[in-house]
Amino acid sequence: MGGSRTRYVELTGLCRIVISMTNTRRLGIAALTMTALITGLAHADSELSDHATTTTQGKRHHVRMGLELATIFAVGHQWYWRDNGKPNEVDWQLPHGMAAVEAKLGGTGAWRFDGNAFDINAIGHPMFGMMTTFLARENGYSLGESFLISTLASGTWETFLELREYGSLNDIAMTSPAGLPLGEAAYQMVHHLRETHLELRGGLGVDNGAAFAVMAARADLDLVPAIGAGTFGGGRRVSFAAELPTDDQGLRSVDAGAKATLAGYYHNTNDSSLVVALSSELDYRKQEQRQERDWDLLSVVAFGPSIDYRLRANQLTIDVGADAYLDFGMLKSEGFAGWRAAHPTGVLRNVLEGREHPYYYAAGASLDPHINVTSGGYVAGAKLTGSLFSSIDRADRDQEMITTDLHLTDSDGHGEAWLGYQQRNVSVLLDGRLHRRAGSANDVHAEAAERTAMVTVGYQM
């Protein structure tokens, strides 16, 4: 069991999210992303190593990188300005031409938090970050250089292509930062297919008394040397994650994520291993409304230290670890519905106004200690995840229209325990979970809880 907040891992799950996007802006971003990833995979095809155990940085292809970015922006320009830009007119709040560029570059309040739909910000922009990071890595750039290229691409898009829109602070915070775990995990797994461990799972569960079926998977890659001590650079440990429960009404939720180490230290022997690293993680949760529990939204990009320690003795293996993160998030406010019912006329920030599923931007912090014990074919473990979020209350795209000050806070906690047995590549796992969300909107407080139990059968490849 890995340290990621999303325990099940699946690259195809993230692709399925992209395919599910329906409006034109989402489709445009998705099309750009998938086109560029296909181009990157074509680069990689001739460079794959069947037995590589380390990542090497090749010659930097500056011209090819420039041409690919130019192609992305040319396609993006045509898509954005289709029908003379009418689909995007609602976001035009700056003057046309160089006056808009000067406002964005002059520090005059032209960078704000936008009012786009949740999935545009939580999926579309991270996937753009994944695309640009992946292509930069394919063109021979280091992880740090790829992050700078992705940031430059995102900033150029915000400043010039979306000319008359306020520059989006949340897009900058989500695009290249989310591209680190997404793009690096994709890049490393493409180049180390044989070393990537994949586990597929399926089974049945009960959530607050309602039955569901679940499909999930996990993919992990660990390139840290098994024996020795030293430091390592980015991308030596990466993972993708997704879990997809369904019922008679369709997809109940999507819980997905990615994680990558940026740099770290290891000390590994035959009997124990220690890895301390700086990690980057993206987590996404979208939960549909059901009679037995409410809808939910949460997307977080996080950075911070990770520690993992493994002790081996005969057939007994004990894994313990934790991640401690600083977060930038977009999430549902648990207390907002109650506050809005008591204050129906207050004018608030854009993402809270007139939406079926309102959300807010927040700064946060998270901690997730975990333990896993295996002996013979038996496995048992537990994990706790706690996050605290506080709303960012300024620089809204409609800041001048706001009439009511509203501060939002939320805590999000998960507890999980599992017990299972594995024979060769097949395993059976019993999994119990508790999830509690509590939040306040000014003086209004609310909370919700879920209790989930599952039994799944898995196959490791």
Protein backbone atom coordinates (compact mmCIF):
# COMPACT_ATOMS: atom_id res chain seq x y z
CA MET A 1 0.00 0.00 0.00
CA GLY A 2 1.51 3.32 -1.09
CA GLY A 3 1.58 6.65 0.66
CA SER A 4 -0.66 8.42 -1.84
CA ARG A 5 -3.95 9.76 -0.52
CA THR A 6 -5.61 7.94 -3.41
CA ARG A 7 -4.72 4.32 -2.78
CA TYR A 8 -5.78 2.81 -6.11
CA VAL A 9 -3.77 3.72 -9.18
CA GLU A 10 -4.73 3.77 -12.86
CA LEU A 11 -3.56 5.89 -15.78
CA THR A 12 -6.55 4.78 -17.86
CA GLY A 13 -8.81 6.08 -15.11
CA LEU A 14 -7.47 9.58 -15.73
CA CYS A 15 -8.02 9.12 -19.46
CA ARG A 16 -11.60 8.09 -18.72
CA ILE A 17 -12.11 11.35 -16.83
CA VAL A 18 -10.94 13.32 -19.85
CA ILE A 19 -13.24 11.37 -22.18
CA SER A 20 -16.18 12.17 -19.89
CA MET A 21 -15.78 15.95 -20.36
CA THR A 22 -18.62 17.35 -22.48
CA ASN A 23 -18.54 21.13 -22.98
CA THR A 24 -16.47 22.83 -25.66
CA ARG A 25 -13.78 24.33 -23.44
CA ARG A 26 -13.17 20.98 -21.75
CA LEU A 27 -13.08 19.19 -25.09
CA GLY A 28 -10.61 21.72 -26.47
CA ILE A 29 -8.19 21.26 -23.59
CA ALA A 30 -8.64 17.49 -23.69
CA ALA A 31 -8.01 17.35 -27.43
CA LEU A 32 -4.81 19.40 -27.11
CA THR A 33 -3.63 17.22 -24.25
CA MET A 34 -4.26 13.86 -25.89
CA THR A 35 -2.77 15.02 -29.23
CA ALA A 36 0.42 16.15 -27.55
CA LEU A 37 0.68 12.99 -25.45
CA ILE A 38 0.36 10.86 -28.59
CA THR A 39 3.17 12.93 -30.13
CA GLY A 40 5.28 12.38 -27.01
CA LEU A 41 4.60 8.65 -27.03
CA ALA A 42 5.80 8.56 -30.63
CA HIS A 43 9.05 10.15 -29.45
CA ALA A 44 9.38 7.58 -26.71
CA ASP A 45 8.67 4.56 -28.87
CA SER A 46 12.12 4.52 -30.42
CA GLU A 47 13.84 5.20 -27.09
CA LEU A 48 12.25 2.66 -24.75
CA SER A 49 14.59 0.38 -22.84
CA ASP A 50 13.40 -3.12 -21.95
CA HIS A 51 15.67 -3.36 -18.95
CA ALA A 52 16.36 0.22 -17.85
CA THR A 53 16.62 0.75 -14.13
CA THR A 54 17.61 4.41 -14.05
CA THR A 55 16.50 7.57 -15.79
CA THR A 56 19.00 9.27 -18.05
CA GLN A 57 18.71 12.76 -19.50
CA GLY A 58 19.43 12.90 -23.22
CA LYS A 59 20.24 15.73 -25.58
CA ARG A 60 17.88 18.67 -25.33
CA HIS A 61 15.83 19.15 -28.50
CA HIS A 62 15.24 22.90 -28.36
CA VAL A 63 13.92 23.26 -31.90
CA ARG A 64 11.54 20.33 -31.61
CA MET A 65 10.28 21.62 -28.26
CA GLY A 66 9.69 25.05 -29.77
CA LEU A 67 7.85 23.63 -32.77
CA GLU A 68 5.63 21.48 -30.57
CA LEU A 69 4.74 24.40 -28.32
CA ALA A 70 4.07 26.55 -31.39
CA THR A 71 1.76 23.85 -32.73
CA ILE A 72 -0.10 23.62 -29.43
CA PHE A 73 -0.63 27.38 -29.34
CA ALA A 74 -1.64 27.54 -33.00
CA VAL A 75 -4.29 24.86 -32.47
CA GLY A 76 -5.33 26.49 -29.21
CA HIS A 77 -5.65 29.89 -30.87
CA GLN A 78 -7.92 28.51 -33.59
CA TRP A 79 -10.08 26.72 -31.02
CA TYR A 80 -10.34 29.70 -28.65
CA TRP A 81 -11.25 32.18 -31.39
CA ARG A 82 -13.76 29.93 -33.18
CA ASP A 83 -16.88 31.85 -34.17
CA ASN A 84 -14.97 35.08 -33.47
CA GLY A 85 -14.52 34.03 -29.85
CA LYS A 86 -18.23 34.14 -28.98
CA PRO A 87 -18.13 31.02 -26.74
CA ASN A 88 -15.65 32.88 -24.48
CA GLU A 89 -17.15 36.38 -24.52
CA VAL A 90 -18.59 35.89 -21.04
CA ASP A 91 -15.03 35.93 -19.65
CA TRP A 92 -13.88 39.10 -21.43
CA GLN A 93 -13.40 41.71 -18.73
CA LEU A 94 -10.25 43.45 -20.03
CA PRO A 95 -9.81 45.78 -23.02
CA HIS A 96 -8.71 44.39 -26.35
CA GLY A 97 -5.14 44.46 -27.63
CA MET A 98 -1.92 45.48 -25.88
CA ALA A 99 -3.82 47.27 -23.11
CA ALA A 100 -4.82 43.85 -21.77
CA VAL A 101 -1.23 42.58 -21.95
CA GLU A 102 0.07 45.70 -20.22
CA ALA A 103 -2.50 45.26 -17.44
CA LYS A 104 -1.43 41.65 -16.88
CA LEU A 105 2.27 42.46 -16.93
CA GLY A 106 1.98 45.70 -14.99
CA GLY A 107 0.71 44.38 -11.64
CA THR A 108 -2.57 46.33 -11.81
CA GLY A 109 -4.89 43.64 -10.43
CA ALA A 110 -5.39 41.89 -13.77
CA TRP A 111 -4.58 38.47 -12.25
CA ARG A 112 -7.53 36.96 -10.38
CA PHE A 113 -9.24 33.69 -9.48
CA ASP A 114 -11.52 32.73 -12.37
CA GLY A 115 -15.10 31.50 -12.40
CA ASN A 116 -14.75 28.43 -14.61
CA ALA A 117 -16.57 25.18 -13.97
CA PHE A 118 -14.91 22.79 -11.51
CA ASP A 119 -13.82 20.19 -14.07
CA ILE A 120 -12.21 22.78 -16.34
CA ASN A 121 -9.98 23.86 -13.46
CA ALA A 122 -9.58 20.48 -11.76
CA ILE A 123 -9.03 18.34 -14.88
CA GLY A 124 -8.43 20.47 -17.97
CA HIS A 125 -5.57 22.59 -16.67
CA PRO A 126 -3.75 19.78 -14.85
CA MET A 127 -3.93 17.77 -18.07
CA PHE A 128 -2.41 20.73 -19.96
CA GLY A 129 0.35 20.74 -17.35
CA MET A 130 0.80 17.00 -17.85
CA MET A 131 1.06 17.51 -21.62
CA THR A 132 3.70 20.23 -21.51
CA THR A 133 5.75 18.54 -18.77
CA PHE A 134 5.66 15.19 -20.59
CA LEU A 135 6.73 16.75 -23.91
CA ALA A 136 9.54 18.70 -22.24
CA ARG A 137 10.85 15.51 -20.63
CA GLU A 138 10.62 13.73 -23.99
CA ASN A 139 12.72 16.51 -25.49
CA GLY A 140 15.55 15.90 -23.02
CA TYR A 141 14.89 18.54 -20.37
CA SER A 142 15.34 17.89 -16.66
CA LEU A 143 12.35 17.80 -14.33
CA GLY A 144 13.09 21.33 -13.08
CA GLU A 145 13.50 22.64 -16.62
CA SER A 146 10.28 20.90 -17.67
CA PHE A 147 8.43 22.60 -14.81
CA LEU A 148 9.72 25.99 -15.99
CA ILE A 149 8.68 25.25 -19.58
CA SER A 150 5.21 24.19 -18.45
CA THR A 151 4.91 27.34 -16.31
CA LEU A 152 6.01 29.50 -19.24
CA ALA A 153 3.47 27.81 -21.53
CA SER A 154 0.70 28.31 -18.98
CA GLY A 155 1.63 31.95 -18.40
CA THR A 156 1.82 32.64 -22.14
CA TRP A 157 -1.62 31.09 -22.64
CA GLU A 158 -3.09 33.22 -19.85
CA THR A 159 -1.40 36.44 -21.00
CA PHE A 160 -1.75 36.32 -24.78
CA LEU A 161 -4.15 33.65 -25.99
CA GLU A 162 -6.90 34.38 -23.47
CA LEU A 163 -6.18 38.01 -24.17
CA ARG A 164 -9.24 39.79 -22.77
CA GLU A 165 -9.67 37.55 -19.73
CA TYR A 166 -8.12 38.27 -16.36
CA GLY A 167 -5.01 36.17 -15.93
CA SER A 168 -6.11 33.19 -13.84
CA LEU A 169 -4.25 32.71 -10.56
CA ASN A 170 -5.80 29.29 -10.02
CA ASP A 171 -4.75 28.14 -13.49
CA ILE A 172 -1.16 29.08 -12.74
CA ALA A 173 -1.41 27.29 -9.38
CA MET A 174 -2.84 24.10 -10.91
CA THR A 175 -1.30 23.74 -14.39
CA SER A 176 2.45 23.31 -14.06
CA PRO A 177 2.38 22.21 -10.38
CA ALA A 178 -0.08 19.42 -11.26
CA GLY A 179 2.02 18.68 -14.33
CA LEU A 180 4.87 17.58 -12.06
CA PRO A 181 3.22 14.43 -10.66
CA LEU A 182 1.07 13.75 -13.74
CA GLY A 183 3.65 14.39 -16.44
CA GLU A 184 6.59 12.86 -14.58
CA ALA A 185 4.65 9.70 -13.69
CA ALA A 186 3.56 9.27 -17.31
CA TYR A 187 7.08 9.90 -18.60
CA GLN A 188 8.77 7.48 -16.22
CA MET A 189 6.24 4.69 -16.75
CA VAL A 190 6.43 5.00 -20.53
CA HIS A 191 10.20 4.59 -20.32
CA HIS A 192 10.15 1.83 -17.66
CA LEU A 193 7.22 -0.35 -18.66
CA ARG A 194 8.67 -3.60 -17.33
CA GLU A 195 9.53 -2.13 -13.95
CA THR A 196 6.03 -0.66 -13.47
CA HIS A 197 3.82 -2.73 -11.16
CA LEU A 198 0.14 -2.79 -12.08
CA GLU A 199 -2.69 -4.17 -9.94
CA LEU A 200 -6.30 -4.40 -11.16
CA ARG A 201 -9.15 -4.81 -8.65
CA GLY A 202 -12.88 -5.33 -8.78
CA GLY A 203 -15.53 -6.11 -6.22
CA LEU A 204 -18.59 -5.05 -4.26
CA GLY A 205 -19.21 -2.64 -1.42
CA VAL A 206 -21.70 -0.85 0.80
CA ASP A 207 -21.65 2.93 1.37
CA ASN A 208 -23.95 4.27 4.12
CA GLY A 209 -26.16 1.23 3.50
CA ALA A 210 -26.26 1.48 -0.31
CA ALA A 211 -24.68 -1.27 -2.43
CA PHE A 212 -22.28 -0.58 -5.28
CA ALA A 213 -19.76 -2.29 -7.56
CA VAL A 214 -16.21 -0.99 -7.85
CA MET A 215 -13.40 -1.14 -10.38
CA ALA A 216 -9.96 0.13 -9.44
CA ALA A 217 -6.31 -0.29 -10.22
CA ARG A 218 -2.88 0.87 -9.16
CA ALA A 219 0.41 1.41 -10.98
CA ASP A 220 3.65 2.06 -9.11
CA LEU A 221 7.23 2.53 -10.27
CA ASP A 222 10.18 2.57 -7.87
CA LEU A 223 13.63 3.23 -9.38
CA VAL A 224 15.45 3.91 -6.10
CA PRO A 225 18.38 1.45 -5.79
CA ALA A 226 17.48 -1.57 -3.65
CA ILE A 227 20.87 -1.60 -1.91
CA GLY A 228 23.07 1.34 -0.94
CA ALA A 229 22.76 4.90 0.24
CA GLY A 230 22.75 8.28 -1.42
CA THR A 231 20.62 10.98 -2.96
CA PHE A 232 18.41 10.87 -6.03
CA GLY A 233 16.73 13.31 -8.37
CA GLY A 234 13.19 13.65 -9.62
CA GLY A 235 10.91 10.88 -10.77
CA ARG A 236 12.53 7.86 -9.10
CA ARG A 237 9.23 6.95 -7.38
CA VAL A 238 5.93 7.67 -9.18
CA SER A 239 2.35 6.41 -9.17
CA PHE A 240 -1.06 6.94 -10.74
CA ALA A 241 -4.36 6.29 -8.94
CA ALA A 242 -8.10 5.93 -9.57
CA GLU A 243 -11.16 4.21 -8.08
CA LEU A 244 -14.53 4.07 -9.86
CA PRO A 245 -17.59 2.82 -7.93
CA THR A 246 -20.88 2.39 -9.84
CA ASP A 247 -24.50 1.58 -9.00
CA ASP A 248 -27.84 1.36 -10.83
CA GLN A 249 -27.73 5.13 -11.43
CA GLY A 250 -24.30 5.04 -13.05
CA LEU A 251 -20.93 6.27 -11.87
CA ARG A 252 -21.08 7.16 -8.16
CA SER A 253 -17.76 8.96 -7.97
CA VAL A 254 -14.26 9.32 -9.36
CA ASP A 255 -11.33 9.28 -6.94
CA ALA A 256 -8.04 9.72 -8.78
CA GLY A 257 -4.53 11.04 -8.34
CA ALA A 258 -0.84 10.96 -9.11
CA LYS A 259 2.33 11.25 -7.07
CA ALA A 260 6.01 11.81 -7.89
CA THR A 261 9.17 12.34 -5.88
CA LEU A 262 11.14 15.47 -6.78
CA ALA A 263 14.35 14.73 -4.86
CA GLY A 264 15.36 12.59 -1.92
CA TYR A 265 17.73 10.44 0.13
CA TYR A 266 17.76 6.66 0.51
CA HIS A 267 19.51 4.15 2.77
CA ASN A 268 18.66 0.57 1.79
CA THR A 269 19.99 -2.77 3.04
CA ASN A 270 18.83 -6.37 2.79
CA ASP A 271 16.88 -5.99 6.05
CA SER A 272 15.53 -2.46 5.85
CA SER A 273 15.01 0.51 3.59
CA LEU A 274 14.55 4.22 4.26
CA VAL A 275 13.49 6.84 1.72
CA VAL A 276 13.06 10.50 2.62
CA ALA A 277 11.94 12.72 -0.24
CA LEU A 278 10.26 15.90 -1.35
CA SER A 279 7.09 14.83 -3.14
CA SER A 280 4.41 16.33 -5.34
CA GLU A 281 0.86 15.00 -5.52
CA LEU A 282 -2.42 15.71 -7.28
CA ASP A 283 -5.70 14.37 -5.89
CA TYR A 284 -9.14 14.62 -7.48
CA ARG A 285 -12.52 13.58 -6.10
CA LYS A 286 -15.94 14.14 -7.66
CA GLN A 287 -18.83 12.46 -5.88
CA GLU A 288 -22.34 12.35 -7.33
CA GLN A 289 -25.48 13.00 -5.31
CA ARG A 290 -27.19 9.94 -3.85
CA GLN A 291 -30.06 9.46 -1.43
CA GLU A 292 -27.77 8.08 1.28
CA ARG A 293 -25.07 10.78 1.00
CA ASP A 294 -24.41 14.19 -0.52
CA TRP A 295 -22.34 15.26 -3.52
CA ASP A 296 -18.74 16.35 -3.03
CA LEU A 297 -15.93 18.08 -4.92
CA LEU A 298 -12.24 18.20 -4.04
CA SER A 299 -9.12 18.78 -6.13
CA VAL A 300 -5.75 19.42 -4.47
CA VAL A 301 -2.21 19.94 -5.69
CA ALA A 302 0.28 19.38 -2.86
CA PHE A 303 3.99 19.59 -2.09
CA GLY A 304 5.94 18.46 0.94
CA PRO A 305 8.20 15.89 2.59
CA SER A 306 7.54 12.14 2.48
CA ILE A 307 9.14 9.38 4.54
CA ASP A 308 8.86 5.62 4.01
CA TYR A 309 10.55 2.94 6.11
CA ARG A 310 10.48 -0.84 5.51
CA LEU A 311 11.68 -3.52 7.93
CA ARG A 312 12.08 -7.17 6.88
CA ALA A 313 12.46 -10.14 9.24
CA ASN A 314 12.00 -13.67 7.91
CA GLN A 315 8.54 -13.64 6.26
CA LEU A 316 7.43 -10.48 8.06
CA THR A 317 7.56 -7.10 6.33
CA ILE A 318 6.46 -3.87 8.00
CA ASP A 319 6.01 -0.66 6.00
CA VAL A 320 5.39 2.65 7.76
CA GLY A 321 5.41 6.17 6.38
CA ALA A 322 3.76 9.55 6.10
CA ASP A 323 3.39 12.57 3.83
CA ALA A 324 3.13 16.13 5.17
CA TYR A 325 1.85 18.56 2.54
CA LEU A 326 1.04 22.18 1.88
CA ASP A 327 -1.97 22.30 -0.42
CA PHE A 328 -3.72 24.49 -2.95
CA GLY A 329 -7.25 23.21 -3.35
CA MET A 330 -10.64 23.66 -4.95
CA LEU A 331 -13.44 22.10 -2.92
CA LYS A 332 -17.04 22.10 -1.80
CA SER A 333 -17.84 24.07 1.34
CA GLU A 334 -19.72 21.88 3.80
CA GLY A 335 -21.23 24.88 5.55
CA PHE A 336 -22.14 27.00 2.52
CA ALA A 337 -25.62 25.60 1.82
CA GLY A 338 -26.77 26.44 5.34
CA TRP A 339 -25.24 29.92 5.15
CA ARG A 340 -26.82 30.63 1.76
CA ALA A 341 -30.25 29.57 3.02
CA ALA A 342 -29.96 32.18 5.80
CA HIS A 343 -28.46 34.88 3.50
CA PRO A 344 -30.12 34.49 0.08
CA THR A 345 -29.34 38.00 -1.25
CA GLY A 346 -25.62 38.33 -0.51
CA VAL A 347 -23.43 38.68 -3.63
CA LEU A 348 -20.40 36.41 -3.35
CA ARG A 349 -17.37 35.34 -5.35
CA ASN A 350 -18.07 33.94 -8.80
CA VAL A 351 -17.59 30.21 -8.13
CA LEU A 352 -20.22 30.33 -5.35
CA GLU A 353 -22.89 32.22 -7.30
CA GLY A 354 -25.73 30.53 -9.20
CA ARG A 355 -24.12 27.11 -9.45
CA GLU A 356 -25.61 23.69 -8.86
CA HIS A 357 -22.31 22.59 -7.30
CA PRO A 358 -20.51 25.66 -5.88
CA TYR A 359 -16.89 25.41 -4.75
CA TYR A 360 -14.12 27.67 -3.48
CA TYR A 361 -10.35 28.17 -3.70
CA ALA A 362 -8.35 27.40 -0.58
CA ALA A 363 -4.93 27.07 0.99
CA GLY A 364 -4.46 24.00 3.14
CA ALA A 365 -2.26 21.46 4.86
CA SER A 366 -2.46 17.66 5.03
CA LEU A 367 -0.92 14.74 6.91
CA ASP A 368 -1.36 11.03 6.13
CA PRO A 369 0.47 8.43 8.28
CA HIS A 370 0.09 4.80 7.18
CA ILE A 371 1.23 1.28 8.05
CA ASN A 372 1.13 -2.02 6.16
CA VAL A 373 2.18 -5.45 7.48
CA THR A 374 2.64 -8.61 5.42
CA SER A 375 3.45 -12.11 6.65
CA GLY A 376 3.43 -15.00 4.25
CA GLY A 377 0.38 -14.40 2.10
CA TYR A 378 -1.44 -12.27 4.68
CA VAL A 379 -1.63 -8.48 4.62
CA ALA A 380 -3.08 -5.96 7.07
CA GLY A 381 -2.80 -2.21 7.30
CA ALA A 382 -4.32 1.11 8.22
CA LYS A 383 -4.13 4.72 7.13
CA LEU A 384 -5.30 8.12 8.37
CA THR A 385 -5.54 11.24 6.22
CA GLY A 386 -6.39 14.66 7.61
CA SER A 387 -6.62 17.95 5.70
CA LEU A 388 -7.48 21.50 6.77
CA PHE A 389 -8.53 24.18 4.27
CA SER A 390 -9.12 27.92 4.54
CA SER A 391 -10.66 29.99 1.73
CA ILE A 392 -8.71 32.57 -0.27
CA ASP A 393 -11.06 35.54 -0.04
CA ARG A 394 -9.56 38.15 -2.35
CA ALA A 395 -8.79 38.68 -6.06
CA ASP A 396 -12.04 37.21 -7.37
CA ARG A 397 -12.77 37.88 -11.04
CA ASP A 398 -15.93 39.75 -9.91
CA GLN A 399 -14.36 41.28 -6.79
CA GLU A 400 -15.98 44.69 -7.33
CA MET A 401 -19.46 43.13 -7.30
CA ILE A 402 -19.11 41.29 -3.97
CA THR A 403 -21.33 42.72 -1.22
CA THR A 404 -20.83 40.14 1.55
CA ASP A 405 -17.62 38.95 3.18
CA LEU A 406 -17.67 35.18 3.57
CA HIS A 407 -14.84 33.06 4.96
CA LEU A 408 -14.97 29.29 4.50
CA THR A 409 -13.06 26.57 6.33
CA ASP A 410 -13.24 22.80 6.01
CA SER A 411 -11.63 19.73 7.50
CA ASP A 412 -11.52 16.51 5.51
CA GLY A 413 -10.64 13.26 7.29
CA HIS A 414 -10.31 9.66 6.11
CA GLY A 415 -9.66 6.54 8.16
CA GLU A 416 -9.08 3.20 6.46
CA ALA A 417 -8.14 -0.34 7.48
CA TRP A 418 -7.66 -3.42 5.34
CA LEU A 419 -7.08 -7.16 5.74
CA GLY A 420 -6.34 -9.60 2.95
CA TYR A 421 -4.65 -12.69 1.59
CA GLN A 422 -2.58 -13.15 -1.56
CA GLN A 423 -1.72 -16.34 -3.43
CA ARG A 424 0.72 -15.76 -6.28
CA ASN A 425 -0.74 -12.89 -8.36
CA VAL A 426 -4.30 -13.06 -6.99
CA SER A 427 -5.44 -11.38 -3.78
CA VAL A 428 -8.65 -10.91 -1.79
CA LEU A 429 -9.00 -7.74 0.29
CA LEU A 430 -11.51 -6.59 2.92
CA ASP A 431 -11.52 -2.81 3.25
CA GLY A 432 -13.33 -0.57 5.74
CA ARG A 433 -13.37 3.23 5.55
CA LEU A 434 -14.66 6.26 7.43
CA HIS A 435 -14.89 9.69 5.81
CA ARG A 436 -15.85 12.86 7.66
CA ARG A 437 -16.15 16.36 6.21
CA ALA A 438 -16.86 19.30 8.52
CA GLY A 439 -16.89 22.96 7.60
CA SER A 440 -17.93 26.48 8.49
CA ALA A 441 -19.20 29.40 6.44
CA ASN A 442 -18.76 32.38 8.76
CA ASP A 443 -20.83 31.32 11.80
CA VAL A 444 -22.69 28.43 10.11
CA HIS A 445 -21.26 24.95 10.75
CA ALA A 446 -22.15 21.64 9.10
CA GLU A 447 -20.69 18.17 8.77
CA ALA A 448 -21.24 14.90 6.92
CA ALA A 449 -19.94 11.35 7.32
CA GLU A 450 -19.68 8.17 5.24
CA ARG A 451 -19.03 4.57 6.24
CA THR A 452 -17.88 2.23 3.52
CA ALA A 453 -17.02 -1.48 3.43
CA MET A 454 -15.72 -3.37 0.39
CA VAL A 455 -14.50 -6.78 -0.65
CA THR A 456 -12.38 -6.88 -3.79
CA VAL A 457 -10.37 -9.39 -5.80
CA GLY A 458 -7.14 -8.16 -7.36
CA TYR A 459 -4.65 -9.34 -9.94
CA GLN A 460 -1.04 -8.09 -10.01
CA MET A 461 0.96 -7.84 -13.24
